[in-house]
Amino acid sequence: MVFVLWHNRLFLAAEIFRRFRQRPVCALVSASRDGAWLTAFFGLAGLRAVRGSSSRGGHGAAQGLVGALRAGHDVGITPDGPRGPRYVFKPGAATVTRLAGADALLIGARFGPAWRLRSWDKFYVPWPWSTVRIECVRVPAAELGANDAAATLAARLREINPDDIVAKNGAAR
């Protein structure tokens, strides 16, 4: 299974995987210096990291993720990370999913009160005890064989993440 969520909802990933997954999860983490911090955090949460991104080591990272899927692990990808632009779906998640013949699980989140950081992605940090509603949509591998798989995944991911900042074309306002 390939878990796909927007970068600004990454705060939820460790808890989602802790509560709902029984098998090991490998997450795509940037090869940058900042990615080292996330790798350490994920390690504490029981997640494994595959280092690379669309701009640094992307081919090797894709091969590592496909290998993890074939070994029986789940993987997690933020298709607009590590630098954005926010809500612009890069094709890597669809490529990895197609190459491995895996289903995709799109993760959406709606937040009660939450802080929005001044980062490129307007990262969400929910207030303590605020409500977070998670919606997941499973997309079978059979639906991802077409050339427009990335566009299909992007549209469905935007539907379950109804931010007021997402324009009709998917670019952040």
N, C-alpha and C. Protein backbone atom coordinates (compact mmCIF):
# COMPACT_ATOMS: atom_id res chain seq x y z
N MET A 1 0.85 -1.17 0.00
CA MET A 1 0.00 0.00 0.00
C MET A 1 0.90 1.24 0.00
N VAL A 2 0.56 2.20 -0.83
CA VAL A 2 1.28 3.48 -0.87
C VAL A 2 0.37 4.53 -0.24
N PHE A 3 0.79 5.08 0.89
CA PHE A 3 0.05 6.14 1.55
C PHE A 3 0.46 7.47 0.94
N VAL A 4 -0.52 8.29 0.56
CA VAL A 4 -0.24 9.56 -0.10
C VAL A 4 -0.97 10.66 0.67
N LEU A 5 -0.22 11.64 1.14
CA LEU A 5 -0.81 12.78 1.84
C LEU A 5 -0.02 14.04 1.53
N TRP A 6 -0.68 15.19 1.62
CA TRP A 6 0.01 16.45 1.37
C TRP A 6 1.03 16.70 2.47
N HIS A 7 2.08 17.39 2.12
CA HIS A 7 3.20 17.65 3.03
C HIS A 7 2.74 18.38 4.29
N ASN A 8 1.78 19.28 4.18
CA ASN A 8 1.37 20.06 5.35
C ASN A 8 0.53 19.25 6.34
N ARG A 9 0.24 18.01 6.03
CA ARG A 9 -0.48 17.12 6.94
C ARG A 9 0.43 16.02 7.49
N LEU A 10 1.70 16.16 7.27
CA LEU A 10 2.68 15.16 7.69
C LEU A 10 2.72 14.96 9.20
N PHE A 11 2.31 15.96 9.95
CA PHE A 11 2.29 15.87 11.41
C PHE A 11 1.49 14.65 11.88
N LEU A 12 0.48 14.28 11.11
CA LEU A 12 -0.41 13.18 11.49
C LEU A 12 0.14 11.80 11.16
N ALA A 13 1.13 11.73 10.29
CA ALA A 13 1.58 10.45 9.74
C ALA A 13 1.99 9.45 10.82
N ALA A 14 2.82 9.84 11.74
CA ALA A 14 3.31 8.89 12.74
C ALA A 14 2.16 8.32 13.56
N GLU A 15 1.21 9.14 13.93
CA GLU A 15 0.08 8.66 14.73
C GLU A 15 -0.84 7.75 13.91
N ILE A 16 -1.07 8.09 12.65
CA ILE A 16 -1.89 7.24 11.80
C ILE A 16 -1.26 5.86 11.68
N PHE A 17 0.03 5.82 11.41
CA PHE A 17 0.69 4.54 11.24
C PHE A 17 0.77 3.77 12.56
N ARG A 18 0.96 4.48 13.66
CA ARG A 18 1.02 3.81 14.97
C ARG A 18 -0.31 3.14 15.30
N ARG A 19 -1.40 3.83 15.01
CA ARG A 19 -2.72 3.31 15.36
C ARG A 19 -3.27 2.27 14.41
N PHE A 20 -3.00 2.42 13.13
CA PHE A 20 -3.75 1.64 12.15
C PHE A 20 -2.94 0.66 11.31
N ARG A 21 -1.64 0.66 11.41
CA ARG A 21 -0.85 -0.24 10.57
C ARG A 21 -0.11 -1.26 11.41
N GLN A 22 -0.07 -2.50 10.94
CA GLN A 22 0.63 -3.57 11.65
C GLN A 22 1.96 -3.93 11.00
N ARG A 23 2.12 -3.59 9.74
CA ARG A 23 3.35 -3.95 9.04
C ARG A 23 4.29 -2.75 9.00
N PRO A 24 5.57 -2.97 8.73
CA PRO A 24 6.52 -1.85 8.67
C PRO A 24 6.16 -0.85 7.57
N VAL A 25 6.42 0.41 7.84
CA VAL A 25 6.15 1.48 6.89
C VAL A 25 7.46 2.21 6.60
N CYS A 26 7.73 2.41 5.32
CA CYS A 26 8.90 3.17 4.88
C CYS A 26 8.40 4.48 4.28
N ALA A 27 8.93 5.59 4.75
CA ALA A 27 8.49 6.89 4.26
C ALA A 27 9.58 7.54 3.42
N LEU A 28 9.16 8.19 2.35
CA LEU A 28 10.10 8.95 1.53
C LEU A 28 10.44 10.23 2.28
N VAL A 29 11.73 10.43 2.52
CA VAL A 29 12.20 11.60 3.26
C VAL A 29 13.29 12.28 2.44
N SER A 30 13.24 13.58 2.40
CA SER A 30 14.20 14.37 1.64
C SER A 30 15.64 14.01 2.01
N ALA A 31 16.51 14.07 1.01
CA ALA A 31 17.93 13.81 1.23
C ALA A 31 18.64 15.02 1.81
N SER A 32 17.91 16.09 2.08
CA SER A 32 18.50 17.32 2.62
C SER A 32 18.85 17.18 4.10
N ARG A 33 19.51 18.20 4.64
CA ARG A 33 19.84 18.23 6.05
C ARG A 33 18.58 18.22 6.91
N ASP A 34 17.53 18.94 6.48
CA ASP A 34 16.27 18.94 7.22
C ASP A 34 15.65 17.54 7.26
N GLY A 35 15.87 16.77 6.21
CA GLY A 35 15.35 15.42 6.16
C GLY A 35 15.93 14.53 7.24
N ALA A 36 17.14 14.84 7.70
CA ALA A 36 17.75 14.06 8.78
C ALA A 36 16.94 14.17 10.06
N TRP A 37 16.38 15.34 10.31
CA TRP A 37 15.54 15.53 11.51
C TRP A 37 14.27 14.68 11.39
N LEU A 38 13.66 14.69 10.23
CA LEU A 38 12.45 13.92 10.03
C LEU A 38 12.75 12.42 10.10
N THR A 39 13.89 12.01 9.59
CA THR A 39 14.28 10.60 9.67
C THR A 39 14.40 10.18 11.13
N ALA A 40 15.00 11.01 11.96
CA ALA A 40 15.14 10.70 13.39
C ALA A 40 13.77 10.64 14.07
N PHE A 41 12.89 11.59 13.76
CA PHE A 41 11.54 11.60 14.33
C PHE A 41 10.79 10.34 13.92
N PHE A 42 10.83 10.01 12.63
CA PHE A 42 10.15 8.82 12.15
C PHE A 42 10.71 7.56 12.82
N GLY A 43 12.02 7.51 13.04
CA GLY A 43 12.62 6.37 13.71
C GLY A 43 12.05 6.18 15.10
N LEU A 44 11.83 7.27 15.82
CA LEU A 44 11.23 7.19 17.15
C LEU A 44 9.79 6.68 17.09
N ALA A 45 9.11 6.99 16.00
CA ALA A 45 7.72 6.57 15.83
C ALA A 45 7.59 5.18 15.20
N GLY A 46 8.71 4.54 14.89
CA GLY A 46 8.68 3.21 14.32
C GLY A 46 8.59 3.16 12.81
N LEU A 47 8.78 4.30 12.16
CA LEU A 47 8.77 4.35 10.69
C LEU A 47 10.20 4.29 10.18
N ARG A 48 10.37 3.72 9.00
CA ARG A 48 11.68 3.67 8.37
C ARG A 48 11.73 4.73 7.27
N ALA A 49 12.92 5.19 6.95
CA ALA A 49 13.06 6.24 5.94
C ALA A 49 13.78 5.70 4.71
N VAL A 50 13.31 6.15 3.55
CA VAL A 50 14.02 5.98 2.29
C VAL A 50 14.34 7.40 1.86
N ARG A 51 15.63 7.72 1.76
CA ARG A 51 16.05 9.10 1.50
C ARG A 51 16.09 9.41 0.02
N GLY A 52 15.58 10.58 -0.33
CA GLY A 52 15.60 11.05 -1.71
C GLY A 52 14.39 11.93 -1.96
N SER A 53 14.37 12.61 -3.08
CA SER A 53 13.24 13.47 -3.44
C SER A 53 13.27 13.70 -4.94
N SER A 54 12.31 14.46 -5.41
CA SER A 54 12.26 14.73 -6.85
C SER A 54 13.47 15.52 -7.31
N SER A 55 14.09 16.26 -6.41
CA SER A 55 15.23 17.08 -6.80
C SER A 55 16.59 16.47 -6.43
N ARG A 56 16.60 15.49 -5.51
CA ARG A 56 17.86 14.88 -5.07
C ARG A 56 17.68 13.39 -4.87
N GLY A 57 18.26 12.61 -5.75
CA GLY A 57 18.22 11.15 -5.58
C GLY A 57 16.87 10.53 -5.83
N GLY A 58 16.08 11.11 -6.70
CA GLY A 58 14.72 10.64 -6.94
C GLY A 58 14.65 9.24 -7.51
N HIS A 59 15.52 8.93 -8.47
CA HIS A 59 15.48 7.61 -9.10
C HIS A 59 15.81 6.52 -8.07
N GLY A 60 16.86 6.75 -7.29
CA GLY A 60 17.24 5.77 -6.27
C GLY A 60 16.17 5.62 -5.19
N ALA A 61 15.54 6.74 -4.83
CA ALA A 61 14.47 6.69 -3.83
C ALA A 61 13.29 5.90 -4.37
N ALA A 62 12.93 6.11 -5.62
CA ALA A 62 11.82 5.36 -6.22
C ALA A 62 12.13 3.87 -6.21
N GLN A 63 13.36 3.50 -6.57
CA GLN A 63 13.74 2.09 -6.55
C GLN A 63 13.67 1.53 -5.13
N GLY A 64 14.11 2.32 -4.15
CA GLY A 64 14.05 1.88 -2.75
C GLY A 64 12.62 1.67 -2.27
N LEU A 65 11.71 2.56 -2.68
CA LEU A 65 10.31 2.42 -2.30
C LEU A 65 9.66 1.21 -2.97
N VAL A 66 9.95 1.01 -4.24
CA VAL A 66 9.41 -0.16 -4.95
C VAL A 66 9.93 -1.43 -4.29
N GLY A 67 11.20 -1.45 -3.94
CA GLY A 67 11.78 -2.60 -3.25
C GLY A 67 11.11 -2.85 -1.91
N ALA A 68 10.83 -1.79 -1.17
CA ALA A 68 10.15 -1.93 0.12
C ALA A 68 8.75 -2.51 -0.07
N LEU A 69 8.04 -2.03 -1.09
CA LEU A 69 6.69 -2.55 -1.37
C LEU A 69 6.75 -4.03 -1.73
N ARG A 70 7.71 -4.40 -2.57
CA ARG A 70 7.83 -5.80 -2.98
C ARG A 70 8.25 -6.69 -1.82
N ALA A 71 8.90 -6.11 -0.80
CA ALA A 71 9.30 -6.87 0.38
C ALA A 71 8.16 -6.98 1.40
N GLY A 72 7.01 -6.39 1.07
CA GLY A 72 5.85 -6.51 1.96
C GLY A 72 5.64 -5.34 2.89
N HIS A 73 6.39 -4.26 2.71
CA HIS A 73 6.21 -3.07 3.54
C HIS A 73 5.22 -2.11 2.87
N ASP A 74 4.66 -1.23 3.66
CA ASP A 74 3.90 -0.11 3.12
C ASP A 74 4.87 1.06 2.95
N VAL A 75 4.50 2.03 2.12
CA VAL A 75 5.33 3.22 1.97
C VAL A 75 4.46 4.46 2.05
N GLY A 76 5.07 5.57 2.42
CA GLY A 76 4.38 6.85 2.51
C GLY A 76 5.09 7.91 1.69
N ILE A 77 4.30 8.71 0.96
CA ILE A 77 4.86 9.75 0.09
C ILE A 77 4.03 11.02 0.22
N THR A 78 4.71 12.16 0.28
CA THR A 78 4.05 13.46 0.17
C THR A 78 4.36 14.00 -1.22
N PRO A 79 3.39 13.98 -2.13
CA PRO A 79 3.68 14.29 -3.53
C PRO A 79 4.03 15.75 -3.81
N ASP A 80 3.80 16.64 -2.86
CA ASP A 80 4.18 18.04 -3.08
C ASP A 80 5.44 18.41 -2.32
N GLY A 81 6.06 17.47 -1.64
CA GLY A 81 7.28 17.74 -0.87
C GLY A 81 8.51 17.51 -1.72
N PRO A 82 9.67 17.88 -1.24
CA PRO A 82 9.94 18.51 0.04
C PRO A 82 9.90 20.04 0.00
N ARG A 83 9.78 20.62 -1.21
CA ARG A 83 9.84 22.08 -1.29
C ARG A 83 8.64 22.71 -1.99
N GLY A 84 7.72 21.89 -2.41
CA GLY A 84 6.54 22.45 -3.06
C GLY A 84 6.68 22.55 -4.55
N PRO A 85 5.82 23.34 -5.13
CA PRO A 85 4.80 24.20 -4.53
C PRO A 85 3.69 23.39 -3.85
N ARG A 86 3.08 24.02 -2.88
CA ARG A 86 2.03 23.40 -2.08
C ARG A 86 0.89 22.93 -3.00
N TYR A 87 0.46 21.69 -2.76
CA TYR A 87 -0.67 21.06 -3.46
C TYR A 87 -0.43 20.83 -4.95
N VAL A 88 0.83 20.85 -5.38
CA VAL A 88 1.15 20.49 -6.76
C VAL A 88 1.72 19.07 -6.72
N PHE A 89 1.01 18.16 -7.33
CA PHE A 89 1.29 16.74 -7.26
C PHE A 89 2.40 16.37 -8.25
N LYS A 90 3.57 16.01 -7.73
CA LYS A 90 4.66 15.52 -8.58
C LYS A 90 4.39 14.06 -8.90
N PRO A 91 4.86 13.56 -10.02
CA PRO A 91 4.45 12.23 -10.49
C PRO A 91 5.07 11.04 -9.75
N GLY A 92 5.99 11.25 -8.83
CA GLY A 92 6.68 10.14 -8.18
C GLY A 92 5.78 9.15 -7.47
N ALA A 93 4.75 9.62 -6.78
CA ALA A 93 3.85 8.71 -6.05
C ALA A 93 3.12 7.78 -7.03
N ALA A 94 2.67 8.33 -8.14
CA ALA A 94 1.98 7.51 -9.14
C ALA A 94 2.96 6.53 -9.79
N THR A 95 4.17 6.97 -10.04
CA THR A 95 5.18 6.11 -10.66
C THR A 95 5.51 4.92 -9.77
N VAL A 96 5.77 5.18 -8.49
CA VAL A 96 6.11 4.11 -7.55
C VAL A 96 4.94 3.14 -7.43
N THR A 97 3.73 3.66 -7.33
CA THR A 97 2.55 2.83 -7.20
C THR A 97 2.38 1.92 -8.41
N ARG A 98 2.54 2.49 -9.61
CA ARG A 98 2.40 1.70 -10.84
C ARG A 98 3.50 0.65 -10.96
N LEU A 99 4.75 1.04 -10.70
CA LEU A 99 5.87 0.10 -10.84
C LEU A 99 5.73 -1.10 -9.90
N ALA A 100 5.22 -0.86 -8.70
CA ALA A 100 5.09 -1.94 -7.72
C ALA A 100 3.76 -2.67 -7.84
N GLY A 101 2.82 -2.13 -8.63
CA GLY A 101 1.50 -2.75 -8.73
C GLY A 101 0.74 -2.68 -7.41
N ALA A 102 0.95 -1.61 -6.66
CA ALA A 102 0.34 -1.46 -5.34
C ALA A 102 -0.86 -0.53 -5.39
N ASP A 103 -1.75 -0.71 -4.44
CA ASP A 103 -2.87 0.22 -4.27
C ASP A 103 -2.35 1.49 -3.61
N ALA A 104 -3.07 2.59 -3.82
CA ALA A 104 -2.76 3.85 -3.15
C ALA A 104 -3.84 4.12 -2.11
N LEU A 105 -3.46 4.64 -0.97
CA LEU A 105 -4.41 5.09 0.04
C LEU A 105 -4.19 6.58 0.22
N LEU A 106 -5.13 7.35 -0.26
CA LEU A 106 -5.05 8.81 -0.15
C LEU A 106 -5.58 9.20 1.22
N ILE A 107 -4.84 10.08 1.90
CA ILE A 107 -5.21 10.48 3.26
C ILE A 107 -5.55 11.96 3.27
N GLY A 108 -6.74 12.25 3.72
CA GLY A 108 -7.20 13.62 3.85
C GLY A 108 -7.41 13.96 5.31
N ALA A 109 -7.29 15.23 5.64
CA ALA A 109 -7.50 15.64 7.02
C ALA A 109 -8.15 17.02 7.06
N ARG A 110 -9.11 17.13 7.95
CA ARG A 110 -9.76 18.41 8.25
C ARG A 110 -9.50 18.68 9.72
N PHE A 111 -9.11 19.89 9.99
CA PHE A 111 -8.68 20.23 11.34
C PHE A 111 -9.68 21.15 12.02
N GLY A 112 -9.87 20.90 13.34
CA GLY A 112 -10.53 21.90 14.17
C GLY A 112 -9.51 23.02 14.32
N PRO A 113 -9.48 23.68 15.42
CA PRO A 113 -8.45 24.72 15.55
C PRO A 113 -7.04 24.15 15.34
N ALA A 114 -6.25 24.86 14.55
CA ALA A 114 -4.89 24.43 14.26
C ALA A 114 -4.03 25.65 13.95
N TRP A 115 -2.76 25.55 14.29
CA TRP A 115 -1.81 26.58 13.88
C TRP A 115 -1.41 26.28 12.45
N ARG A 116 -1.12 27.33 11.68
CA ARG A 116 -0.56 27.18 10.34
C ARG A 116 0.80 27.85 10.37
N LEU A 117 1.83 27.07 10.13
CA LEU A 117 3.19 27.62 10.16
C LEU A 117 3.42 28.51 8.95
N ARG A 118 4.42 29.36 9.03
CA ARG A 118 4.75 30.27 7.93
C ARG A 118 5.72 29.63 6.94
N SER A 119 5.60 28.35 6.76
CA SER A 119 6.46 27.62 5.83
C SER A 119 5.83 27.60 4.44
N TRP A 120 6.56 27.09 3.46
CA TRP A 120 6.06 27.05 2.08
C TRP A 120 4.75 26.28 1.97
N ASP A 121 4.55 25.29 2.86
CA ASP A 121 3.36 24.45 2.75
C ASP A 121 2.24 24.84 3.72
N LYS A 122 2.48 25.86 4.54
CA LYS A 122 1.50 26.27 5.55
C LYS A 122 1.14 25.06 6.44
N PHE A 123 2.17 24.44 6.97
CA PHE A 123 2.09 23.20 7.76
C PHE A 123 1.06 23.32 8.88
N TYR A 124 0.23 22.30 9.02
CA TYR A 124 -0.79 22.25 10.08
C TYR A 124 -0.21 21.65 11.35
N VAL A 125 -0.46 22.30 12.48
CA VAL A 125 -0.20 21.73 13.80
C VAL A 125 -1.49 21.90 14.59
N PRO A 126 -2.22 20.81 14.81
CA PRO A 126 -3.49 20.93 15.54
C PRO A 126 -3.28 21.41 16.96
N TRP A 127 -4.22 22.20 17.44
CA TRP A 127 -4.17 22.61 18.84
C TRP A 127 -4.40 21.37 19.70
N PRO A 128 -3.88 21.39 20.94
CA PRO A 128 -4.17 20.27 21.84
C PRO A 128 -5.69 20.10 22.00
N TRP A 129 -6.13 18.89 21.92
CA TRP A 129 -7.54 18.49 22.07
C TRP A 129 -8.46 19.00 20.97
N SER A 130 -7.91 19.50 19.89
CA SER A 130 -8.78 19.89 18.78
C SER A 130 -9.19 18.63 18.00
N THR A 131 -10.23 18.74 17.24
CA THR A 131 -10.72 17.62 16.46
C THR A 131 -9.99 17.56 15.12
N VAL A 132 -9.56 16.37 14.77
CA VAL A 132 -8.96 16.13 13.46
C VAL A 132 -9.77 15.00 12.82
N ARG A 133 -10.36 15.29 11.68
CA ARG A 133 -11.14 14.28 10.96
C ARG A 133 -10.31 13.78 9.78
N ILE A 134 -10.10 12.48 9.77
CA ILE A 134 -9.29 11.86 8.72
C ILE A 134 -10.21 11.11 7.77
N GLU A 135 -9.97 11.30 6.49
CA GLU A 135 -10.73 10.58 5.47
C GLU A 135 -9.72 9.89 4.55
N CYS A 136 -9.96 8.62 4.28
CA CYS A 136 -9.06 7.86 3.43
C CYS A 136 -9.83 7.33 2.22
N VAL A 137 -9.17 7.34 1.08
CA VAL A 137 -9.74 6.81 -0.15
C VAL A 137 -8.73 5.83 -0.74
N ARG A 138 -9.16 4.59 -0.91
CA ARG A 138 -8.30 3.58 -1.50
C ARG A 138 -8.48 3.60 -3.02
N VAL A 139 -7.36 3.66 -3.73
CA VAL A 139 -7.38 3.64 -5.19
C VAL A 139 -6.67 2.36 -5.62
N PRO A 140 -7.41 1.41 -6.18
CA PRO A 140 -6.80 0.13 -6.57
C PRO A 140 -5.74 0.32 -7.66
N ALA A 141 -4.76 -0.54 -7.63
CA ALA A 141 -3.67 -0.48 -8.62
C ALA A 141 -4.21 -0.55 -10.04
N ALA A 142 -5.29 -1.29 -10.25
CA ALA A 142 -5.86 -1.43 -11.59
C ALA A 142 -6.31 -0.10 -12.18
N GLU A 143 -6.65 0.88 -11.32
CA GLU A 143 -7.08 2.19 -11.79
C GLU A 143 -5.90 3.11 -12.10
N LEU A 144 -4.69 2.67 -11.83
CA LEU A 144 -3.52 3.54 -11.96
C LEU A 144 -2.63 3.17 -13.14
N GLY A 145 -3.11 2.35 -14.03
CA GLY A 145 -2.30 1.94 -15.17
C GLY A 145 -2.25 2.97 -16.28
N ALA A 146 -3.15 3.92 -16.25
CA ALA A 146 -3.22 4.92 -17.33
C ALA A 146 -2.12 5.97 -17.18
N ASN A 147 -1.88 6.68 -18.28
CA ASN A 147 -0.85 7.74 -18.27
C ASN A 147 -1.22 8.91 -17.38
N ASP A 148 -2.50 9.08 -17.07
CA ASP A 148 -2.94 10.21 -16.26
C ASP A 148 -3.11 9.84 -14.78
N ALA A 149 -2.40 8.81 -14.32
CA ALA A 149 -2.53 8.36 -12.93
C ALA A 149 -2.21 9.47 -11.94
N ALA A 150 -1.18 10.26 -12.20
CA ALA A 150 -0.83 11.35 -11.28
C ALA A 150 -1.95 12.37 -11.21
N ALA A 151 -2.55 12.71 -12.33
CA ALA A 151 -3.65 13.68 -12.34
C ALA A 151 -4.86 13.13 -11.60
N THR A 152 -5.14 11.85 -11.77
CA THR A 152 -6.26 11.21 -11.08
C THR A 152 -6.04 11.24 -9.57
N LEU A 153 -4.85 10.83 -9.14
CA LEU A 153 -4.55 10.84 -7.70
C LEU A 153 -4.60 12.25 -7.14
N ALA A 154 -4.05 13.22 -7.87
CA ALA A 154 -4.04 14.60 -7.40
C ALA A 154 -5.45 15.13 -7.20
N ALA A 155 -6.33 14.90 -8.16
CA ALA A 155 -7.70 15.39 -8.06
C ALA A 155 -8.42 14.77 -6.88
N ARG A 156 -8.25 13.48 -6.69
CA ARG A 156 -8.92 12.81 -5.57
C ARG A 156 -8.35 13.23 -4.23
N LEU A 157 -7.04 13.49 -4.18
CA LEU A 157 -6.42 13.95 -2.93
C LEU A 157 -6.91 15.35 -2.57
N ARG A 158 -7.08 16.20 -3.57
CA ARG A 158 -7.61 17.55 -3.31
C ARG A 158 -9.04 17.50 -2.80
N GLU A 159 -9.84 16.57 -3.30
CA GLU A 159 -11.23 16.44 -2.86
C GLU A 159 -11.37 16.14 -1.38
N ILE A 160 -10.45 15.36 -0.83
CA ILE A 160 -10.56 14.98 0.58
C ILE A 160 -9.75 15.87 1.51
N ASN A 161 -9.17 16.93 0.97
CA ASN A 161 -8.44 17.92 1.76
C ASN A 161 -8.97 19.31 1.39
N PRO A 162 -10.15 19.66 1.86
CA PRO A 162 -10.84 20.87 1.38
C PRO A 162 -10.32 22.16 2.02
N ASP A 163 -9.11 22.52 1.71
CA ASP A 163 -8.59 23.79 2.21
C ASP A 163 -9.17 24.94 1.40
N ASP A 164 -9.32 26.07 2.03
CA ASP A 164 -9.79 27.25 1.30
C ASP A 164 -8.70 27.82 0.43
N ILE A 165 -7.47 27.33 0.56
CA ILE A 165 -6.37 27.89 -0.21
C ILE A 165 -6.07 27.12 -1.48
N VAL A 166 -6.85 26.08 -1.78
CA VAL A 166 -6.62 25.32 -2.99
C VAL A 166 -7.49 25.89 -4.10
N ALA A 167 -6.86 26.37 -5.13
CA ALA A 167 -7.58 26.91 -6.27
C ALA A 167 -8.14 25.77 -7.11
N LYS A 168 -9.00 26.06 -8.05
CA LYS A 168 -9.60 25.01 -8.88
C LYS A 168 -8.56 24.21 -9.64
N ASN A 169 -7.48 24.82 -10.05
CA ASN A 169 -6.45 24.09 -10.79
C ASN A 169 -5.49 23.36 -9.87
N GLY A 170 -5.70 23.47 -8.56
CA GLY A 170 -4.88 22.73 -7.62
C GLY A 170 -3.69 23.51 -7.08
N ALA A 171 -3.36 24.63 -7.67
CA ALA A 171 -2.22 25.41 -7.18
C ALA A 171 -2.65 26.20 -5.95
N ALA A 172 -1.73 26.42 -5.05
CA ALA A 172 -2.01 27.18 -3.84
C ALA A 172 -2.19 28.65 -4.18
N ARG A 173 -3.13 29.27 -3.49
CA ARG A 173 -3.33 30.71 -3.67
C ARG A 173 -2.51 31.46 -2.67
